Amino acid sequence: MPVLAKGLHKAKKTKKQRKFGRNAASCLSYKNSNRRERNKLVRLRKHLSRFGGDRCATVAVDRCKAVLGMK
């Protein structure tokens, strides 16, 4: 998990890390909404419409559904 999502650190007084933590709230929201898994599920379903016999993609769809709490 990226440290940006937690927002634990602040930028130091030097300008080397001034961009650190700018999107901490949106990163945390993205993580908590499981949007990555939903987007992956959409891409996998599109792939399976073209290549229906892909067993690896079918297993990946089942895993995404388990994470999202779908049947």
N, C-alpha and C. Protein backbone atom coordinates (compact mmCIF):
# COMPACT_ATOMS: atom_id res chain seq x y z
N MET A 1 0.85 -1.17 0.00
CA MET A 1 0.00 0.00 0.00
C MET A 1 0.89 1.23 0.00
N PRO A 2 0.63 2.18 -0.88
CA PRO A 2 1.47 3.37 -0.91
C PRO A 2 1.32 4.21 0.35
N VAL A 3 2.39 4.86 0.69
CA VAL A 3 2.38 5.70 1.89
C VAL A 3 1.55 6.94 1.65
N LEU A 4 1.36 7.32 0.39
CA LEU A 4 0.58 8.51 0.08
C LEU A 4 -0.86 8.38 0.58
N ALA A 5 -1.39 7.18 0.52
CA ALA A 5 -2.78 7.00 0.93
C ALA A 5 -2.95 7.19 2.43
N LYS A 6 -1.92 6.91 3.19
CA LYS A 6 -2.03 7.05 4.64
C LYS A 6 -1.87 8.50 5.08
N GLY A 7 -0.99 9.26 4.41
CA GLY A 7 -0.76 10.64 4.79
C GLY A 7 -0.03 10.77 6.10
N LEU A 8 0.89 9.86 6.40
CA LEU A 8 1.58 9.87 7.68
C LEU A 8 2.72 10.89 7.74
N HIS A 9 3.34 11.14 6.62
CA HIS A 9 4.52 11.99 6.61
C HIS A 9 4.21 13.36 6.05
N LYS A 10 4.94 14.33 6.51
CA LYS A 10 4.83 15.67 5.95
C LYS A 10 6.11 15.95 5.18
N ALA A 11 6.05 16.91 4.30
CA ALA A 11 7.22 17.28 3.54
C ALA A 11 8.26 17.92 4.47
N LYS A 12 9.49 17.66 4.16
CA LYS A 12 10.56 18.25 4.96
C LYS A 12 10.72 19.71 4.57
N LYS A 13 11.61 20.40 5.23
CA LYS A 13 11.79 21.83 4.95
C LYS A 13 12.50 22.06 3.63
N THR A 14 13.18 21.03 3.12
CA THR A 14 13.77 21.17 1.79
C THR A 14 12.66 21.00 0.76
N LYS A 15 12.93 21.35 -0.46
CA LYS A 15 11.91 21.28 -1.50
C LYS A 15 11.92 19.95 -2.23
N LYS A 16 12.63 18.97 -1.71
CA LYS A 16 12.74 17.69 -2.40
C LYS A 16 11.45 16.88 -2.33
N GLN A 17 10.67 17.03 -1.28
CA GLN A 17 9.48 16.21 -1.11
C GLN A 17 8.22 17.07 -1.02
N ARG A 18 8.17 18.16 -1.70
CA ARG A 18 7.04 19.07 -1.54
C ARG A 18 5.74 18.54 -2.15
N LYS A 19 5.81 17.52 -3.01
CA LYS A 19 4.60 16.98 -3.60
C LYS A 19 4.04 15.82 -2.78
N PHE A 20 4.67 15.50 -1.70
CA PHE A 20 4.29 14.33 -0.91
C PHE A 20 2.96 14.56 -0.20
N GLY A 21 2.02 13.64 -0.39
CA GLY A 21 0.76 13.69 0.34
C GLY A 21 -0.29 14.62 -0.21
N ARG A 22 -0.11 15.13 -1.42
CA ARG A 22 -1.11 16.06 -1.95
C ARG A 22 -2.45 15.40 -2.21
N ASN A 23 -2.41 14.16 -2.68
CA ASN A 23 -3.66 13.48 -3.03
C ASN A 23 -4.00 12.40 -2.01
N ALA A 24 -3.63 12.59 -0.77
CA ALA A 24 -3.82 11.55 0.24
C ALA A 24 -5.29 11.18 0.39
N ALA A 25 -6.19 12.15 0.40
CA ALA A 25 -7.61 11.86 0.59
C ALA A 25 -8.19 11.14 -0.62
N SER A 26 -7.83 11.58 -1.81
CA SER A 26 -8.37 10.92 -3.00
C SER A 26 -7.79 9.53 -3.18
N CYS A 27 -6.52 9.34 -2.82
CA CYS A 27 -5.92 8.00 -2.90
C CYS A 27 -6.61 7.06 -1.92
N LEU A 28 -6.90 7.54 -0.75
CA LEU A 28 -7.58 6.72 0.25
C LEU A 28 -9.00 6.39 -0.20
N SER A 29 -9.67 7.35 -0.81
CA SER A 29 -11.01 7.12 -1.33
C SER A 29 -10.99 6.08 -2.44
N TYR A 30 -10.00 6.15 -3.32
CA TYR A 30 -9.86 5.18 -4.41
C TYR A 30 -9.64 3.79 -3.85
N LYS A 31 -8.81 3.67 -2.82
CA LYS A 31 -8.53 2.37 -2.22
C LYS A 31 -9.77 1.81 -1.54
N ASN A 32 -10.49 2.63 -0.81
CA ASN A 32 -11.65 2.16 -0.04
C ASN A 32 -12.86 1.83 -0.91
N SER A 33 -12.92 2.41 -2.11
CA SER A 33 -14.07 2.17 -2.97
C SER A 33 -13.90 0.93 -3.85
N ASN A 34 -12.74 0.28 -3.79
CA ASN A 34 -12.44 -0.90 -4.61
C ASN A 34 -12.59 -0.61 -6.10
N ARG A 35 -12.31 0.61 -6.50
CA ARG A 35 -12.49 1.00 -7.89
C ARG A 35 -11.53 0.26 -8.82
N ARG A 36 -10.33 -0.07 -8.32
CA ARG A 36 -9.37 -0.81 -9.14
C ARG A 36 -9.94 -2.18 -9.51
N GLU A 37 -10.57 -2.85 -8.55
CA GLU A 37 -11.14 -4.15 -8.81
C GLU A 37 -12.33 -4.06 -9.76
N ARG A 38 -13.13 -3.01 -9.63
CA ARG A 38 -14.27 -2.83 -10.53
C ARG A 38 -13.79 -2.58 -11.96
N ASN A 39 -12.78 -1.73 -12.11
CA ASN A 39 -12.25 -1.46 -13.45
C ASN A 39 -11.63 -2.71 -14.06
N LYS A 40 -10.95 -3.49 -13.22
CA LYS A 40 -10.34 -4.72 -13.71
C LYS A 40 -11.42 -5.70 -14.15
N LEU A 41 -12.53 -5.76 -13.41
CA LEU A 41 -13.63 -6.64 -13.77
C LEU A 41 -14.22 -6.25 -15.11
N VAL A 42 -14.35 -4.96 -15.38
CA VAL A 42 -14.87 -4.49 -16.67
C VAL A 42 -13.93 -4.90 -17.79
N ARG A 43 -12.62 -4.72 -17.58
CA ARG A 43 -11.65 -5.10 -18.61
C ARG A 43 -11.65 -6.61 -18.85
N LEU A 44 -11.77 -7.39 -17.77
CA LEU A 44 -11.79 -8.84 -17.92
C LEU A 44 -13.04 -9.32 -18.65
N ARG A 45 -14.19 -8.71 -18.36
CA ARG A 45 -15.41 -9.10 -19.07
C ARG A 45 -15.32 -8.77 -20.55
N LYS A 46 -14.69 -7.65 -20.87
CA LYS A 46 -14.49 -7.29 -22.27
C LYS A 46 -13.57 -8.31 -22.94
N HIS A 47 -12.54 -8.73 -22.23
CA HIS A 47 -11.61 -9.73 -22.75
C HIS A 47 -12.32 -11.06 -22.97
N LEU A 48 -13.17 -11.45 -22.01
CA LEU A 48 -13.87 -12.72 -22.12
C LEU A 48 -14.92 -12.71 -23.23
N SER A 49 -15.42 -11.53 -23.60
CA SER A 49 -16.36 -11.49 -24.72
C SER A 49 -15.64 -11.81 -26.03
N ARG A 50 -14.35 -11.50 -26.09
CA ARG A 50 -13.57 -11.82 -27.29
C ARG A 50 -12.97 -13.21 -27.23
N PHE A 51 -12.49 -13.60 -26.06
CA PHE A 51 -11.82 -14.88 -25.88
C PHE A 51 -12.52 -15.64 -24.75
N GLY A 52 -13.64 -16.26 -25.09
CA GLY A 52 -14.49 -16.89 -24.09
C GLY A 52 -13.88 -18.08 -23.38
N GLY A 53 -12.92 -18.76 -23.99
CA GLY A 53 -12.35 -19.95 -23.39
C GLY A 53 -11.14 -19.70 -22.52
N ASP A 54 -10.87 -18.48 -22.18
CA ASP A 54 -9.69 -18.14 -21.39
C ASP A 54 -9.95 -18.48 -19.92
N ARG A 55 -9.37 -19.58 -19.46
CA ARG A 55 -9.62 -20.02 -18.08
C ARG A 55 -8.97 -19.10 -17.06
N CYS A 56 -7.81 -18.58 -17.39
CA CYS A 56 -7.11 -17.68 -16.47
C CYS A 56 -7.94 -16.43 -16.20
N ALA A 57 -8.54 -15.88 -17.25
CA ALA A 57 -9.38 -14.69 -17.09
C ALA A 57 -10.64 -15.01 -16.30
N THR A 58 -11.17 -16.21 -16.49
CA THR A 58 -12.36 -16.61 -15.75
C THR A 58 -12.07 -16.70 -14.25
N VAL A 59 -10.91 -17.25 -13.91
CA VAL A 59 -10.51 -17.33 -12.50
C VAL A 59 -10.30 -15.93 -11.94
N ALA A 60 -9.71 -15.03 -12.73
CA ALA A 60 -9.49 -13.66 -12.28
C ALA A 60 -10.81 -12.94 -12.04
N VAL A 61 -11.81 -13.20 -12.87
CA VAL A 61 -13.14 -12.60 -12.68
C VAL A 61 -13.73 -13.08 -11.36
N ASP A 62 -13.58 -14.38 -11.08
CA ASP A 62 -14.10 -14.91 -9.82
C ASP A 62 -13.42 -14.26 -8.62
N ARG A 63 -12.11 -14.03 -8.72
CA ARG A 63 -11.38 -13.38 -7.63
C ARG A 63 -11.85 -11.94 -7.42
N CYS A 64 -12.05 -11.22 -8.52
CA CYS A 64 -12.53 -9.83 -8.41
C CYS A 64 -13.92 -9.78 -7.79
N LYS A 65 -14.76 -10.72 -8.18
CA LYS A 65 -16.11 -10.76 -7.62
C LYS A 65 -16.07 -11.06 -6.13
N ALA A 66 -15.13 -11.91 -5.72
CA ALA A 66 -15.01 -12.23 -4.30
C ALA A 66 -14.59 -11.01 -3.50
N VAL A 67 -13.69 -10.22 -4.05
CA VAL A 67 -13.23 -9.01 -3.36
C VAL A 67 -14.37 -8.00 -3.26
N LEU A 68 -15.16 -7.91 -4.31
CA LEU A 68 -16.26 -6.95 -4.33
C LEU A 68 -17.50 -7.44 -3.61
N GLY A 69 -17.52 -8.72 -3.23
CA GLY A 69 -18.67 -9.27 -2.54
C GLY A 69 -19.82 -9.63 -3.46
N MET A 70 -19.49 -9.87 -4.71
CA MET A 70 -20.52 -10.25 -5.70
C MET A 70 -20.56 -11.77 -5.80
N LYS A 71 -21.66 -12.29 -6.32
CA LYS A 71 -21.77 -13.73 -6.53
C LYS A 71 -21.27 -14.12 -7.88
